[in-house]
PDB file of N, CA and C in Angstrom:
ATOM      1  N   UNK A   1     -21.804  22.688  -7.909  1.00  0.00           N
ATOM      2  CA  UNK A   1     -21.209  23.656  -8.813  1.00  0.00           C
ATOM      3  C   UNK A   1     -19.819  24.023  -8.313  1.00  0.00           C
ATOM      4  N   UNK A   2     -18.857  23.976  -9.186  1.00  0.00           N
ATOM      5  CA  UNK A   2     -17.471  24.248  -8.833  1.00  0.00           C
ATOM      6  C   UNK A   2     -17.078  25.632  -9.347  1.00  0.00           C
ATOM      7  N   UNK A   3     -16.477  26.459  -8.470  1.00  0.00           N
ATOM      8  CA  UNK A   3     -16.034  27.803  -8.870  1.00  0.00           C
ATOM      9  C   UNK A   3     -14.609  27.697  -9.392  1.00  0.00           C
ATOM     10  N   UNK A   4     -14.372  28.216 -10.553  1.00  0.00           N
ATOM     11  CA  UNK A   4     -13.043  28.186 -11.154  1.00  0.00           C
ATOM     12  C   UNK A   4     -12.137  29.189 -10.449  1.00  0.00           C
ATOM     13  N   UNK A   5     -10.790  28.989 -10.521  1.00  0.00           N
ATOM     14  CA  UNK A   5      -9.866  29.916  -9.848  1.00  0.00           C
ATOM     15  C   UNK A   5     -10.042  31.372 -10.255  1.00  0.00           C
ATOM     16  N   UNK A   6     -10.332  31.630 -11.516  1.00  0.00           N
ATOM     17  CA  UNK A   6     -10.539  33.011 -11.951  1.00  0.00           C
ATOM     18  C   UNK A   6     -11.777  33.604 -11.288  1.00  0.00           C
ATOM     19  N   UNK A   7     -12.817  32.801 -11.154  1.00  0.00           N
ATOM     20  CA  UNK A   7     -14.029  33.261 -10.486  1.00  0.00           C
ATOM     21  C   UNK A   7     -13.773  33.579  -9.023  1.00  0.00           C
ATOM     22  N   UNK A   8     -12.963  32.749  -8.356  1.00  0.00           N
ATOM     23  CA  UNK A   8     -12.597  33.023  -6.965  1.00  0.00           C
ATOM     24  C   UNK A   8     -11.829  34.334  -6.856  1.00  0.00           C
ATOM     25  N   UNK A   9     -10.888  34.529  -7.761  1.00  0.00           N
ATOM     26  CA  UNK A   9     -10.095  35.747  -7.743  1.00  0.00           C
ATOM     27  C   UNK A   9     -10.977  36.970  -7.937  1.00  0.00           C
ATOM     28  N   UNK A  10     -11.885  36.911  -8.898  1.00  0.00           N
ATOM     29  CA  UNK A  10     -12.772  38.047  -9.157  1.00  0.00           C
ATOM     30  C   UNK A  10     -13.695  38.315  -7.977  1.00  0.00           C
ATOM     31  N   UNK A  11     -14.164  37.258  -7.304  1.00  0.00           N
ATOM     32  CA  UNK A  11     -15.033  37.442  -6.139  1.00  0.00           C
ATOM     33  C   UNK A  11     -14.264  38.113  -5.004  1.00  0.00           C
ATOM     34  N   UNK A  12     -13.044  37.666  -4.765  1.00  0.00           N
ATOM     35  CA  UNK A  12     -12.217  38.261  -3.709  1.00  0.00           C
ATOM     36  C   UNK A  12     -11.875  39.702  -4.054  1.00  0.00           C
ATOM     37  N   UNK A  13     -11.555  39.971  -5.315  1.00  0.00           N
ATOM     38  CA  UNK A  13     -11.238  41.328  -5.750  1.00  0.00           C
ATOM     39  C   UNK A  13     -12.437  42.261  -5.584  1.00  0.00           C
ATOM     40  N   UNK A  14     -13.623  41.772  -5.890  1.00  0.00           N
ATOM     41  CA  UNK A  14     -14.833  42.586  -5.735  1.00  0.00           C
ATOM     42  C   UNK A  14     -15.070  42.940  -4.273  1.00  0.00           C
ATOM     43  N   UNK A  15     -14.909  41.966  -3.380  1.00  0.00           N
ATOM     44  CA  UNK A  15     -15.092  42.232  -1.944  1.00  0.00           C
ATOM     45  C   UNK A  15     -14.041  43.207  -1.459  1.00  0.00           C
ATOM     46  N   UNK A  16     -12.798  43.038  -1.894  1.00  0.00           N
ATOM     47  CA  UNK A  16     -11.724  43.928  -1.471  1.00  0.00           C
ATOM     48  C   UNK A  16     -11.978  45.359  -1.939  1.00  0.00           C
ATOM     49  N   UNK A  17     -12.352  45.516  -3.199  1.00  0.00           N
ATOM     50  CA  UNK A  17     -12.565  46.856  -3.731  1.00  0.00           C
ATOM     51  C   UNK A  17     -13.767  47.541  -3.090  1.00  0.00           C
ATOM     52  N   UNK A  18     -14.801  46.793  -2.801  1.00  0.00           N
ATOM     53  CA  UNK A  18     -15.958  47.423  -2.162  1.00  0.00           C
ATOM     54  C   UNK A  18     -15.647  47.845  -0.743  1.00  0.00           C
ATOM     55  N   UNK A  19     -14.822  47.049  -0.021  1.00  0.00           N
ATOM     56  CA  UNK A  19     -14.452  47.446   1.338  1.00  0.00           C
ATOM     57  C   UNK A  19     -13.391  48.541   1.308  1.00  0.00           C
ATOM     58  N   UNK A  20     -12.532  48.543   0.289  1.00  0.00           N
ATOM     59  CA  UNK A  20     -11.506  49.577   0.190  1.00  0.00           C
ATOM     60  C   UNK A  20     -12.136  50.935  -0.082  1.00  0.00           C
ATOM     61  N   UNK A  21     -13.225  50.958  -0.819  1.00  0.00           N
ATOM     62  CA  UNK A  21     -13.900  52.228  -1.090  1.00  0.00           C
ATOM     63  C   UNK A  21     -14.369  52.869   0.205  1.00  0.00           C
ATOM     64  N   UNK A  22     -14.898  52.061   1.107  1.00  0.00           N
ATOM     65  CA  UNK A  22     -15.360  52.599   2.389  1.00  0.00           C
ATOM     66  C   UNK A  22     -14.198  53.094   3.237  1.00  0.00           C
ATOM     67  N   UNK A  23     -13.075  52.414   3.175  1.00  0.00           N
ATOM     68  CA  UNK A  23     -11.904  52.826   3.956  1.00  0.00           C
ATOM     69  C   UNK A  23     -11.313  54.107   3.387  1.00  0.00           C
ATOM     70  N   UNK A  24     -11.256  54.222   2.075  1.00  0.00           N
ATOM     71  CA  UNK A  24     -10.636  55.376   1.442  1.00  0.00           C
ATOM     72  C   UNK A  24     -11.535  56.611   1.429  1.00  0.00           C
ATOM     73  N   UNK A  25     -12.793  56.453   1.798  1.00  0.00           N
ATOM     74  CA  UNK A  25     -13.716  57.583   1.766  1.00  0.00           C
ATOM     75  C   UNK A  25     -13.389  58.618   2.838  1.00  0.00           C
ATOM     76  N   UNK A  26     -12.720  58.206   3.919  1.00  0.00           N
ATOM     77  CA  UNK A  26     -12.377  59.118   5.003  1.00  0.00           C
ATOM     78  C   UNK A  26     -10.865  59.195   5.086  1.00  0.00           C
ATOM     79  N   UNK A  27     -10.334  60.400   5.133  1.00  0.00           N
ATOM     80  CA  UNK A  27      -8.894  60.600   5.239  1.00  0.00           C
ATOM     81  C   UNK A  27      -8.569  61.102   6.637  1.00  0.00           C
ATOM     82  N   UNK A  28      -7.399  60.734   7.122  1.00  0.00           N
ATOM     83  CA  UNK A  28      -6.961  61.146   8.444  1.00  0.00           C
ATOM     84  C   UNK A  28      -5.744  62.034   8.296  1.00  0.00           C
ATOM     85  N   UNK A  29      -5.773  63.192   8.920  1.00  0.00           N
ATOM     86  CA  UNK A  29      -4.659  64.125   8.903  1.00  0.00           C
ATOM     87  C   UNK A  29      -4.385  64.550  10.331  1.00  0.00           C
ATOM     88  N   UNK A  30      -3.193  64.245  10.828  1.00  0.00           N
ATOM     89  CA  UNK A  30      -2.804  64.542  12.213  1.00  0.00           C
ATOM     90  C   UNK A  30      -3.779  63.960  13.217  1.00  0.00           C
ATOM     91  N   UNK A  31      -4.265  62.752  12.943  1.00  0.00           N
ATOM     92  CA  UNK A  31      -5.139  62.060  13.870  1.00  0.00           C
ATOM     93  C   UNK A  31      -6.594  62.488  13.808  1.00  0.00           C
ATOM     94  N   UNK A  32      -6.955  63.401  12.936  1.00  0.00           N
ATOM     95  CA  UNK A  32      -8.330  63.864  12.815  1.00  0.00           C
ATOM     96  C   UNK A  32      -8.873  63.488  11.445  1.00  0.00           C
ATOM     97  N   UNK A  33     -10.147  63.106  11.412  1.00  0.00           N
ATOM     98  CA  UNK A  33     -10.785  62.797  10.145  1.00  0.00           C
ATOM     99  C   UNK A  33     -11.134  64.095   9.426  1.00  0.00           C
ATOM    100  N   UNK A  34     -10.663  64.205   8.190  1.00  0.00           N
ATOM    101  CA  UNK A  34     -10.907  65.408   7.389  1.00  0.00           C
ATOM    102  C   UNK A  34     -11.369  64.971   6.006  1.00  0.00           C
ATOM    103  N   UNK A  35     -12.047  65.867   5.284  1.00  0.00           N
ATOM    104  CA  UNK A  35     -12.363  65.537   3.886  1.00  0.00           C
ATOM    105  C   UNK A  35     -11.064  65.342   3.090  1.00  0.00           C
ATOM    106  N   UNK A  36     -11.088  64.399   2.183  1.00  0.00           N
ATOM    107  CA  UNK A  36      -9.869  64.044   1.451  1.00  0.00           C
ATOM    108  C   UNK A  36      -9.348  65.176   0.576  1.00  0.00           C
ATOM    109  N   UNK A  37     -10.170  66.142   0.224  1.00  0.00           N
ATOM    110  CA  UNK A  37      -9.685  67.232  -0.609  1.00  0.00           C
ATOM    111  C   UNK A  37      -8.852  68.242   0.178  1.00  0.00           C
ATOM    112  N   UNK A  38      -8.811  68.113   1.519  1.00  0.00           N
ATOM    113  CA  UNK A  38      -7.988  69.020   2.325  1.00  0.00           C
ATOM    114  C   UNK A  38      -6.544  68.535   2.463  1.00  0.00           C
ATOM    115  N   UNK A  39      -6.269  67.311   2.065  1.00  0.00           N
ATOM    116  CA  UNK A  39      -4.914  66.778   2.146  1.00  0.00           C
ATOM    117  C   UNK A  39      -4.127  67.311   0.951  1.00  0.00           C
ATOM    118  N   UNK A  40      -2.906  67.819   1.188  1.00  0.00           N
ATOM    119  CA  UNK A  40      -2.104  68.347   0.071  1.00  0.00           C
ATOM    120  C   UNK A  40      -1.863  67.266  -0.992  1.00  0.00           C
ATOM    121  N   UNK A  41      -1.914  67.666  -2.246  1.00  0.00           N
ATOM    122  CA  UNK A  41      -1.811  66.711  -3.358  1.00  0.00           C
ATOM    123  C   UNK A  41      -0.422  66.103  -3.491  1.00  0.00           C
ATOM    124  N   UNK A  42       0.630  66.825  -3.053  1.00  0.00           N
ATOM    125  CA  UNK A  42       1.982  66.286  -3.203  1.00  0.00           C
ATOM    126  C   UNK A  42       2.214  65.065  -2.321  1.00  0.00           C
ATOM    127  N   UNK A  43       1.407  64.879  -1.304  1.00  0.00           N
ATOM    128  CA  UNK A  43       1.553  63.726  -0.413  1.00  0.00           C
ATOM    129  C   UNK A  43       1.361  62.435  -1.197  1.00  0.00           C
ATOM    130  N   UNK A  44       0.499  62.460  -2.191  1.00  0.00           N
ATOM    131  CA  UNK A  44       0.235  61.269  -2.981  1.00  0.00           C
ATOM    132  C   UNK A  44       1.369  60.982  -3.970  1.00  0.00           C
ATOM    133  N   UNK A  45       2.249  61.950  -4.215  1.00  0.00           N
ATOM    134  CA  UNK A  45       3.380  61.747  -5.118  1.00  0.00           C
ATOM    135  C   UNK A  45       4.579  61.088  -4.433  1.00  0.00           C
ATOM    136  N   UNK A  46       4.627  61.142  -3.108  1.00  0.00           N
ATOM    137  CA  UNK A  46       5.785  60.617  -2.382  1.00  0.00           C
ATOM    138  C   UNK A  46       6.033  59.143  -2.684  1.00  0.00           C
ATOM    139  N   UNK A  47       5.035  58.243  -2.653  1.00  0.00           N
ATOM    140  CA  UNK A  47       5.326  56.836  -2.994  1.00  0.00           C
ATOM    141  C   UNK A  47       5.833  56.661  -4.423  1.00  0.00           C
ATOM    142  N   UNK A  48       5.333  57.462  -5.354  1.00  0.00           N
ATOM    143  CA  UNK A  48       5.773  57.354  -6.750  1.00  0.00           C
ATOM    144  C   UNK A  48       7.229  57.777  -6.879  1.00  0.00           C
ATOM    145  N   UNK A  49       7.602  58.850  -6.202  1.00  0.00           N
ATOM    146  CA  UNK A  49       8.986  59.322  -6.237  1.00  0.00           C
ATOM    147  C   UNK A  49       9.916  58.298  -5.583  1.00  0.00           C
ATOM    148  N   UNK A  50       9.497  57.742  -4.452  1.00  0.00           N
ATOM    149  CA  UNK A  50      10.320  56.733  -3.769  1.00  0.00           C
ATOM    150  C   UNK A  50      10.494  55.489  -4.649  1.00  0.00           C
ATOM    151  N   UNK A  51       9.452  55.095  -5.358  1.00  0.00           N
ATOM    152  CA  UNK A  51       9.542  53.946  -6.252  1.00  0.00           C
ATOM    153  C   UNK A  51      10.522  54.214  -7.393  1.00  0.00           C
ATOM    154  N   UNK A  52      10.487  55.421  -7.952  1.00  0.00           N
ATOM    155  CA  UNK A  52      11.405  55.778  -9.036  1.00  0.00           C
ATOM    156  C   UNK A  52      12.854  55.769  -8.552  1.00  0.00           C
ATOM    157  N   UNK A  53      13.088  56.278  -7.345  1.00  0.00           N
ATOM    158  CA  UNK A  53      14.440  56.268  -6.780  1.00  0.00           C
ATOM    159  C   UNK A  53      14.907  54.833  -6.546  1.00  0.00           C
ATOM    160  N   UNK A  54      14.023  53.987  -6.047  1.00  0.00           N
ATOM    161  CA  UNK A  54      14.381  52.580  -5.810  1.00  0.00           C
ATOM    162  C   UNK A  54      14.731  51.873  -7.119  1.00  0.00           C
ATOM    163  N   UNK A  55      13.986  52.152  -8.170  1.00  0.00           N
ATOM    164  CA  UNK A  55      14.280  51.555  -9.487  1.00  0.00           C
ATOM    165  C   UNK A  55      15.649  52.032  -9.984  1.00  0.00           C
ATOM    166  N   UNK A  56      15.940  53.329  -9.811  1.00  0.00           N
ATOM    167  CA  UNK A  56      17.244  53.858 -10.212  1.00  0.00           C
ATOM    168  C   UNK A  56      18.372  53.149  -9.456  1.00  0.00           C
ATOM    169  N   UNK A  57      18.239  53.010  -8.129  1.00  0.00           N
ATOM    170  CA  UNK A  57      19.261  52.329  -7.328  1.00  0.00           C
ATOM    171  C   UNK A  57      19.450  50.890  -7.799  1.00  0.00           C
ATOM    172  N   UNK A  58      18.348  50.196  -8.082  1.00  0.00           N
ATOM    173  CA  UNK A  58      18.420  48.809  -8.510  1.00  0.00           C
ATOM    174  C   UNK A  58      19.132  48.683  -9.857  1.00  0.00           C
ATOM    175  N   UNK A  59      18.788  49.542 -10.808  1.00  0.00           N
ATOM    176  CA  UNK A  59      19.420  49.492 -12.136  1.00  0.00           C
ATOM    177  C   UNK A  59      20.912  49.809 -12.026  1.00  0.00           C
ATOM    178  N   UNK A  60      21.270  50.810 -11.213  1.00  0.00           N
ATOM    179  CA  UNK A  60      22.679  51.155 -11.023  1.00  0.00           C
ATOM    180  C   UNK A  60      23.434  49.969 -10.414  1.00  0.00           C
ATOM    181  N   UNK A  61      22.831  49.306  -9.441  1.00  0.00           N
ATOM    182  CA  UNK A  61      23.460  48.148  -8.801  1.00  0.00           C
ATOM    183  C   UNK A  61      23.672  47.026  -9.818  1.00  0.00           C
ATOM    184  N   UNK A  62      22.669  46.747 -10.644  1.00  0.00           N
ATOM    185  CA  UNK A  62      22.791  45.692 -11.658  1.00  0.00           C
ATOM    186  C   UNK A  62      23.887  46.043 -12.666  1.00  0.00           C
ATOM    187  N   UNK A  63      23.948  47.299 -13.095  1.00  0.00           N
ATOM    188  CA  UNK A  63      24.982  47.708 -14.057  1.00  0.00           C
ATOM    189  C   UNK A  63      26.387  47.532 -13.473  1.00  0.00           C
ATOM    190  N   UNK A  64      26.579  47.888 -12.212  1.00  0.00           N
ATOM    191  CA  UNK A  64      27.893  47.730 -11.593  1.00  0.00           C
ATOM    192  C   UNK A  64      28.236  46.257 -11.393  1.00  0.00           C
ATOM    193  N   UNK A  65      27.249  45.444 -11.076  1.00  0.00           N
ATOM    194  CA  UNK A  65      27.479  44.007 -10.918  1.00  0.00           C
ATOM    195  C   UNK A  65      27.879  43.370 -12.245  1.00  0.00           C
ATOM    196  N   UNK A  66      27.192  43.725 -13.314  1.00  0.00           N
ATOM    197  CA  UNK A  66      27.526  43.202 -14.641  1.00  0.00           C
ATOM    198  C   UNK A  66      28.909  43.689 -15.068  1.00  0.00           C
ATOM    199  N   UNK A  67      29.228  44.942 -14.781  1.00  0.00           N
ATOM    200  CA  UNK A  67      30.548  45.473 -15.114  1.00  0.00           C
ATOM    201  C   UNK A  67      31.644  44.728 -14.359  1.00  0.00           C
ATOM    202  N   UNK A  68      31.406  44.439 -13.096  1.00  0.00           N
ATOM    203  CA  UNK A  68      32.411  43.710 -12.304  1.00  0.00           C
ATOM    204  C   UNK A  68      32.607  42.299 -12.851  1.00  0.00           C
ATOM    205  N   UNK A  69      31.534  41.661 -13.243  1.00  0.00           N
ATOM    206  CA  UNK A  69      31.643  40.298 -13.775  1.00  0.00           C
ATOM    207  C   UNK A  69      32.388  40.294 -15.107  1.00  0.00           C
ATOM    208  N   UNK A  70      32.121  41.265 -15.955  1.00  0.00           N
ATOM    209  CA  UNK A  70      32.745  41.290 -17.284  1.00  0.00           C
ATOM    210  C   UNK A  70      34.179  41.802 -17.277  1.00  0.00           C
ATOM    211  N   UNK A  71      34.494  42.812 -16.477  1.00  0.00           N
ATOM    212  CA  UNK A  71      35.757  43.521 -16.640  1.00  0.00           C
ATOM    213  C   UNK A  71      36.809  43.261 -15.568  1.00  0.00           C
ATOM    214  N   UNK A  72      36.442  42.733 -14.443  1.00  0.00           N
ATOM    215  CA  UNK A  72      37.444  42.484 -13.407  1.00  0.00           C
ATOM    216  C   UNK A  72      38.213  41.204 -13.719  1.00  0.00           C
ATOM    217  N   UNK A  73      39.531  41.289 -13.616  1.00  0.00           N
ATOM    218  CA  UNK A  73      40.356  40.119 -13.879  1.00  0.00           C
ATOM    219  C   UNK A  73      40.930  39.544 -12.589  1.00  0.00           C
ATOM    220  N   UNK A  74      41.492  40.384 -11.747  1.00  0.00           N
ATOM    221  CA  UNK A  74      42.179  39.904 -10.556  1.00  0.00           C
ATOM    222  C   UNK A  74      41.242  39.712  -9.361  1.00  0.00           C
ATOM    223  N   UNK A  75      40.469  40.725  -9.030  1.00  0.00           N
ATOM    224  CA  UNK A  75      39.657  40.689  -7.816  1.00  0.00           C
ATOM    225  C   UNK A  75      38.174  40.523  -8.120  1.00  0.00           C
ATOM    226  N   UNK A  76      37.852  39.733  -9.111  1.00  0.00           N
ATOM    227  CA  UNK A  76      36.461  39.590  -9.536  1.00  0.00           C
ATOM    228  C   UNK A  76      35.568  39.080  -8.413  1.00  0.00           C
ATOM    229  N   UNK A  77      35.958  38.018  -7.730  1.00  0.00           N
ATOM    230  CA  UNK A  77      35.109  37.431  -6.693  1.00  0.00           C
ATOM    231  C   UNK A  77      34.922  38.383  -5.514  1.00  0.00           C
ATOM    232  N   UNK A  78      35.982  39.109  -5.159  1.00  0.00           N
ATOM    233  CA  UNK A  78      35.880  40.066  -4.056  1.00  0.00           C
ATOM    234  C   UNK A  78      34.849  41.146  -4.393  1.00  0.00           C
ATOM    235  N   UNK A  79      34.919  41.703  -5.607  1.00  0.00           N
ATOM    236  CA  UNK A  79      33.986  42.757  -5.993  1.00  0.00           C
ATOM    237  C   UNK A  79      32.558  42.242  -6.102  1.00  0.00           C
ATOM    238  N   UNK A  80      32.395  41.039  -6.599  1.00  0.00           N
ATOM    239  CA  UNK A  80      31.050  40.465  -6.690  1.00  0.00           C
ATOM    240  C   UNK A  80      30.452  40.309  -5.295  1.00  0.00           C
ATOM    241  N   UNK A  81      31.238  39.811  -4.354  1.00  0.00           N
ATOM    242  CA  UNK A  81      30.735  39.663  -2.983  1.00  0.00           C
ATOM    243  C   UNK A  81      30.435  41.019  -2.346  1.00  0.00           C
ATOM    244  N   UNK A  82      31.292  41.995  -2.577  1.00  0.00           N
ATOM    245  CA  UNK A  82      31.023  43.345  -2.047  1.00  0.00           C
ATOM    246  C   UNK A  82      29.735  43.898  -2.632  1.00  0.00           C
ATOM    247  N   UNK A  83      29.549  43.738  -3.930  1.00  0.00           N
ATOM    248  CA  UNK A  83      28.333  44.251  -4.569  1.00  0.00           C
ATOM    249  C   UNK A  83      27.080  43.527  -4.099  1.00  0.00           C
ATOM    250  N   UNK A  84      27.170  42.242  -3.889  1.00  0.00           N
ATOM    251  CA  UNK A  84      25.997  41.484  -3.446  1.00  0.00           C
ATOM    252  C   UNK A  84      25.631  41.823  -2.006  1.00  0.00           C
ATOM    253  N   UNK A  85      26.620  41.885  -1.128  1.00  0.00           N
ATOM    254  CA  UNK A  85      26.307  42.078   0.286  1.00  0.00           C
ATOM    255  C   UNK A  85      26.086  43.539   0.677  1.00  0.00           C
ATOM    256  N   UNK A  86      26.692  44.477  -0.044  1.00  0.00           N
ATOM    257  CA  UNK A  86      26.521  45.885   0.314  1.00  0.00           C
ATOM    258  C   UNK A  86      25.541  46.622  -0.598  1.00  0.00           C
ATOM    259  N   UNK A  87      25.022  45.931  -1.601  1.00  0.00           N
ATOM    260  CA  UNK A  87      24.012  46.485  -2.506  1.00  0.00           C
ATOM    261  C   UNK A  87      24.405  47.842  -3.056  1.00  0.00           C
ATOM    262  N   UNK A  88      23.585  48.876  -2.809  1.00  0.00           N
ATOM    263  CA  UNK A  88      23.827  50.181  -3.423  1.00  0.00           C
ATOM    264  C   UNK A  88      25.129  50.801  -2.928  1.00  0.00           C
ATOM    265  N   UNK A  89      25.425  50.675  -1.656  1.00  0.00           N
ATOM    266  CA  UNK A  89      26.681  51.217  -1.124  1.00  0.00           C
ATOM    267  C   UNK A  89      27.872  50.551  -1.814  1.00  0.00           C
ATOM    268  N   UNK A  90      27.806  49.256  -2.010  1.00  0.00           N
ATOM    269  CA  UNK A  90      28.870  48.544  -2.707  1.00  0.00           C
ATOM    270  C   UNK A  90      29.008  48.985  -4.150  1.00  0.00           C
ATOM    271  N   UNK A  91      27.886  49.276  -4.798  1.00  0.00           N
ATOM    272  CA  UNK A  91      27.966  49.722  -6.190  1.00  0.00           C
ATOM    273  C   UNK A  91      28.572  51.120  -6.296  1.00  0.00           C
ATOM    274  N   UNK A  92      28.304  51.986  -5.323  1.00  0.00           N
ATOM    275  CA  UNK A  92      28.929  53.319  -5.318  1.00  0.00           C
ATOM    276  C   UNK A  92      30.432  53.180  -5.088  1.00  0.00           C
ATOM    277  N   UNK A  93      30.825  52.327  -4.162  1.00  0.00           N
ATOM    278  CA  UNK A  93      32.254  52.085  -3.887  1.00  0.00           C
ATOM    279  C   UNK A  93      32.925  51.539  -5.145  1.00  0.00           C
ATOM    280  N   UNK A  94      32.284  50.561  -5.792  1.00  0.00           N
ATOM    281  CA  UNK A  94      32.857  49.982  -7.000  1.00  0.00           C
ATOM    282  C   UNK A  94      32.992  51.025  -8.109  1.00  0.00           C
ATOM    283  N   UNK A  95      31.976  51.863  -8.261  1.00  0.00           N
ATOM    284  CA  UNK A  95      32.014  52.881  -9.307  1.00  0.00           C
ATOM    285  C   UNK A  95      33.214  53.807  -9.128  1.00  0.00           C
ATOM    286  N   UNK A  96      33.428  54.312  -7.907  1.00  0.00           N
ATOM    287  CA  UNK A  96      34.523  55.259  -7.695  1.00  0.00           C
ATOM    288  C   UNK A  96      35.887  54.577  -7.607  1.00  0.00           C
ATOM    289  N   UNK A  97      35.932  53.329  -7.152  1.00  0.00           N
ATOM    290  CA  UNK A  97      37.217  52.651  -6.995  1.00  0.00           C
ATOM    291  C   UNK A  97      37.714  52.008  -8.291  1.00  0.00           C
ATOM    292  N   UNK A  98      36.825  51.463  -9.098  1.00  0.00           N
ATOM    293  CA  UNK A  98      37.260  50.703 -10.265  1.00  0.00           C
ATOM    294  C   UNK A  98      36.757  51.255 -11.604  1.00  0.00           C
ATOM    295  N   UNK A  99      35.485  51.423 -11.738  1.00  0.00           N
ATOM    296  CA  UNK A  99      34.916  51.774 -13.045  1.00  0.00           C
ATOM    297  C   UNK A  99      35.371  53.153 -13.503  1.00  0.00           C
ATOM    298  N   UNK A 100      35.340  54.114 -12.635  1.00  0.00           N
ATOM    299  CA  UNK A 100      35.744  55.472 -13.009  1.00  0.00           C
ATOM    300  C   UNK A 100      37.222  55.539 -13.367  1.00  0.00           C
ATOM    301  N   UNK A 101      38.032  54.779 -12.596  1.00  0.00           N
ATOM    302  CA  UNK A 101      39.470  54.727 -12.861  1.00  0.00           C
ATOM    303  C   UNK A 101      39.728  54.085 -14.223  1.00  0.00           C
ATOM    304  N   UNK A 102      38.967  53.034 -14.559  1.00  0.00           N
ATOM    305  CA  UNK A 102      39.134  52.351 -15.837  1.00  0.00           C
ATOM    306  C   UNK A 102      38.668  53.236 -16.995  1.00  0.00           C
ATOM    307  N   UNK A 103      37.629  54.040 -16.803  1.00  0.00           N
ATOM    308  CA  UNK A 103      37.118  54.920 -17.871  1.00  0.00           C
ATOM    309  C   UNK A 103      38.054  56.056 -18.188  1.00  0.00           C
ATOM    310  N   UNK A 104      38.912  56.470 -17.218  1.00  0.00           N
ATOM    311  CA  UNK A 104      39.848  57.572 -17.459  1.00  0.00           C
ATOM    312  C   UNK A 104      40.998  57.165 -18.353  1.00  0.00           C
ATOM    313  N   UNK A 105      41.314  55.879 -18.402  1.00  0.00           N
ATOM    314  CA  UNK A 105      42.450  55.404 -19.189  1.00  0.00           C
ATOM    315  C   UNK A 105      42.189  55.482 -20.661  1.00  0.00           C
TER     316      UNK A 105
END
């Protein structure tokens, strides 16, 4: 009998979820095991907030990269390299050095 890839995936997922339930049943706070209801609820929001901030940074970086590709005439390659290698910092520099100056005109 041959197990199909979907069947393998479901079997692995079932084992993972059953073992994860046992791991998640006990919470650790400051090195001590405590009931999970004693952990402050905002702690569980931190990963969600960090993910939202990361998405914002990524979208801002993509917008500045697209703007540099479309609107730069003289120093296009320099700005593209700055944006690629410096990521979010490069996009902030580009925004204040070029895009904002162009929007004021």
